[in-house]
Amino acid sequence: MSYKKGDIVLIKFPFTNLQKAKKRPVLLAKDTNELGDFVCFQITSQSTQNFLSQIDNQDLKEGELKLVSYVKYDKCFTLNADIVDKKLASVKDEYTQHLKSLFCQDIF
């Protein structure tokens, strides 16, 4: 299956030790490539961390989020489409541009 930049998908998100995983939503920062890999940011409902961008249903062009959530833009991950459980939503282009500016501002 192919996913696009701006899609929010539910995956078994691996812990850093790669021994366990938890189902979590992620936001794709890049389309899937020819190998099925994509770059993404984790989404959390916890607002107490740093480097967060709030996201809610008004930021979506399709689908819905059950809670007001936050995209953690300080770390990006490369994952494979094979671990996607399902697509939940897609964000508006304005939101991806906003996230891009936050990511670039804090990284460079």
C-alpha atoms as a PDB file:
ATOM      1  CA  MET A   1       0.000   0.000   0.000  1.00  0.00           C
ATOM      2  CA  SER A   2       1.180   3.496  -0.776  1.00  0.00           C
ATOM      3  CA  TYR A   3       0.745   6.435   1.590  1.00  0.00           C
ATOM      4  CA  LYS A   4       1.252  10.142   0.964  1.00  0.00           C
ATOM      5  CA  LYS A   5       2.813  13.083   2.786  1.00  0.00           C
ATOM      6  CA  GLY A   6       0.205  14.431   5.178  1.00  0.00           C
ATOM      7  CA  ASP A   7      -1.466  11.080   5.856  1.00  0.00           C
ATOM      8  CA  ILE A   8      -1.999  10.059   9.459  1.00  0.00           C
ATOM      9  CA  VAL A   9      -1.716   6.305   9.875  1.00  0.00           C
ATOM     10  CA  LEU A  10      -1.922   3.947  12.822  1.00  0.00           C
ATOM     11  CA  ILE A  11       1.111   1.735  13.289  1.00  0.00           C
ATOM     12  CA  LYS A  12       2.728  -0.570  15.802  1.00  0.00           C
ATOM     13  CA  PHE A  13       5.295   2.033  16.849  1.00  0.00           C
ATOM     14  CA  PRO A  14       8.483   0.335  18.066  1.00  0.00           C
ATOM     15  CA  PHE A  15      10.078   1.349  21.341  1.00  0.00           C
ATOM     16  CA  THR A  16      13.724   2.412  21.099  1.00  0.00           C
ATOM     17  CA  ASN A  17      14.887  -1.048  22.260  1.00  0.00           C
ATOM     18  CA  LEU A  18      12.947  -2.562  19.297  1.00  0.00           C
ATOM     19  CA  GLN A  19      11.679  -5.331  21.611  1.00  0.00           C
ATOM     20  CA  LYS A  20       8.140  -4.029  22.102  1.00  0.00           C
ATOM     21  CA  ALA A  21       5.699  -1.799  20.257  1.00  0.00           C
ATOM     22  CA  LYS A  22       2.547   0.188  20.913  1.00  0.00           C
ATOM     23  CA  LYS A  23      -0.159   1.225  18.445  1.00  0.00           C
ATOM     24  CA  ARG A  24       0.219   4.935  17.784  1.00  0.00           C
ATOM     25  CA  PRO A  25      -0.674   7.427  15.097  1.00  0.00           C
ATOM     26  CA  VAL A  26       2.089   8.984  12.995  1.00  0.00           C
ATOM     27  CA  LEU A  27       2.078  11.774  10.425  1.00  0.00           C
ATOM     28  CA  LEU A  28       3.883  11.093   7.157  1.00  0.00           C
ATOM     29  CA  ALA A  29       6.425  13.754   6.217  1.00  0.00           C
ATOM     30  CA  LYS A  30       7.211  12.019   2.897  1.00  0.00           C
ATOM     31  CA  ASP A  31       5.389   9.740   0.488  1.00  0.00           C
ATOM     32  CA  THR A  32       6.254   6.056   0.607  1.00  0.00           C
ATOM     33  CA  ASN A  33       9.179   5.223  -1.669  1.00  0.00           C
ATOM     34  CA  GLU A  34       9.586   2.259  -4.031  1.00  0.00           C
ATOM     35  CA  LEU A  35      10.530   0.034  -1.062  1.00  0.00           C
ATOM     36  CA  GLY A  36       7.483   1.060   0.971  1.00  0.00           C
ATOM     37  CA  ASP A  37       9.495   3.193   3.404  1.00  0.00           C
ATOM     38  CA  PHE A  38       8.281   6.589   4.616  1.00  0.00           C
ATOM     39  CA  VAL A  39       9.488   9.326   6.965  1.00  0.00           C
ATOM     40  CA  CYS A  40       7.103  10.266   9.763  1.00  0.00           C
ATOM     41  CA  PHE A  41       6.573  12.087  13.044  1.00  0.00           C
ATOM     42  CA  GLN A  42       4.961  10.550  16.125  1.00  0.00           C
ATOM     43  CA  ILE A  43       1.624  11.926  17.334  1.00  0.00           C
ATOM     44  CA  THR A  44       0.857  12.066  21.064  1.00  0.00           C
ATOM     45  CA  SER A  45      -1.963  13.295  23.277  1.00  0.00           C
ATOM     46  CA  GLN A  46       0.540  14.404  25.940  1.00  0.00           C
ATOM     47  CA  SER A  47       1.034  18.172  25.864  1.00  0.00           C
ATOM     48  CA  THR A  48       3.844  18.375  28.433  1.00  0.00           C
ATOM     49  CA  GLN A  49       6.760  17.628  26.109  1.00  0.00           C
ATOM     50  CA  ASN A  50       8.866  20.047  24.081  1.00  0.00           C
ATOM     51  CA  PHE A  51       8.809  20.482  20.278  1.00  0.00           C
ATOM     52  CA  LEU A  52       5.092  19.862  19.844  1.00  0.00           C
ATOM     53  CA  SER A  53       2.650  21.213  17.292  1.00  0.00           C
ATOM     54  CA  GLN A  54      -1.020  20.916  18.227  1.00  0.00           C
ATOM     55  CA  ILE A  55      -3.235  19.142  15.713  1.00  0.00           C
ATOM     56  CA  ASP A  56      -6.988  18.689  15.791  1.00  0.00           C
ATOM     57  CA  ASN A  57      -9.837  18.022  13.404  1.00  0.00           C
ATOM     58  CA  GLN A  58      -9.801  21.546  11.956  1.00  0.00           C
ATOM     59  CA  ASP A  59      -6.309  20.769  10.586  1.00  0.00           C
ATOM     60  CA  LEU A  60      -7.623  17.762   8.634  1.00  0.00           C
ATOM     61  CA  LYS A  61      -8.917  17.568   5.084  1.00  0.00           C
ATOM     62  CA  GLU A  62     -10.316  14.066   5.680  1.00  0.00           C
ATOM     63  CA  GLY A  63     -10.806  11.679   8.585  1.00  0.00           C
ATOM     64  CA  GLU A  64     -10.853  12.570  12.257  1.00  0.00           C
ATOM     65  CA  LEU A  65      -8.816  12.449  15.447  1.00  0.00           C
ATOM     66  CA  LYS A  66     -10.533  11.332  18.627  1.00  0.00           C
ATOM     67  CA  LEU A  67      -8.505  13.758  20.778  1.00  0.00           C
ATOM     68  CA  VAL A  68      -6.701  17.042  20.413  1.00  0.00           C
ATOM     69  CA  SER A  69      -3.183  15.766  19.774  1.00  0.00           C
ATOM     70  CA  TYR A  70       0.370  16.963  19.204  1.00  0.00           C
ATOM     71  CA  VAL A  71       2.897  16.161  16.511  1.00  0.00           C
ATOM     72  CA  LYS A  72       6.387  15.624  17.959  1.00  0.00           C
ATOM     73  CA  TYR A  73       8.501  17.343  15.327  1.00  0.00           C
ATOM     74  CA  ASP A  74      11.912  17.047  17.030  1.00  0.00           C
ATOM     75  CA  LYS A  75      12.453  13.452  15.879  1.00  0.00           C
ATOM     76  CA  CYS A  76      11.569  11.843  12.596  1.00  0.00           C
ATOM     77  CA  PHE A  77      11.484   8.137  11.855  1.00  0.00           C
ATOM     78  CA  THR A  78      11.758   5.973   8.776  1.00  0.00           C
ATOM     79  CA  LEU A  79       9.259   3.134   8.878  1.00  0.00           C
ATOM     80  CA  ASN A  80       7.778   0.718   6.368  1.00  0.00           C
ATOM     81  CA  ALA A  81       4.204   0.607   5.067  1.00  0.00           C
ATOM     82  CA  ASP A  82       4.014  -3.091   6.023  1.00  0.00           C
ATOM     83  CA  ILE A  83       3.541  -2.093   9.688  1.00  0.00           C
ATOM     84  CA  VAL A  84       0.640   0.280   8.994  1.00  0.00           C
ATOM     85  CA  ASP A  85      -2.587  -0.926  10.573  1.00  0.00           C
ATOM     86  CA  LYS A  86      -4.828   1.622   8.822  1.00  0.00           C
ATOM     87  CA  LYS A  87      -5.075   5.182   7.547  1.00  0.00           C
ATOM     88  CA  LEU A  88      -6.869   7.506   9.968  1.00  0.00           C
ATOM     89  CA  ALA A  89      -6.842  10.910   8.272  1.00  0.00           C
ATOM     90  CA  SER A  90      -4.987  13.405   6.088  1.00  0.00           C
ATOM     91  CA  VAL A  91      -3.909  16.903   7.090  1.00  0.00           C
ATOM     92  CA  LYS A  92      -4.402  20.072   5.087  1.00  0.00           C
ATOM     93  CA  ASP A  93      -1.421  21.368   3.086  1.00  0.00           C
ATOM     94  CA  GLU A  94      -1.254  24.430   5.354  1.00  0.00           C
ATOM     95  CA  TYR A  95      -0.573  22.191   8.336  1.00  0.00           C
ATOM     96  CA  THR A  96       2.283  20.353   6.594  1.00  0.00           C
ATOM     97  CA  GLN A  97       3.835  23.720   5.656  1.00  0.00           C
ATOM     98  CA  HIS A  98       3.507  24.899   9.272  1.00  0.00           C
ATOM     99  CA  LEU A  99       5.161  21.719  10.524  1.00  0.00           C
ATOM    100  CA  LYS A 100       7.939  22.030   7.952  1.00  0.00           C
ATOM    101  CA  SER A 101       8.755  25.543   9.128  1.00  0.00           C
ATOM    102  CA  LEU A 102       8.854  24.432  12.781  1.00  0.00           C
ATOM    103  CA  PHE A 103      11.067  21.442  11.996  1.00  0.00           C
ATOM    104  CA  CYS A 104      13.512  23.457   9.878  1.00  0.00           C
ATOM    105  CA  GLN A 105      13.605  26.310  12.402  1.00  0.00           C
ATOM    106  CA  ASP A 106      14.630  24.021  15.262  1.00  0.00           C
ATOM    107  CA  ILE A 107      16.947  21.718  13.332  1.00  0.00           C
ATOM    108  CA  PHE A 108      19.040  24.238  11.417  1.00  0.00           C
END
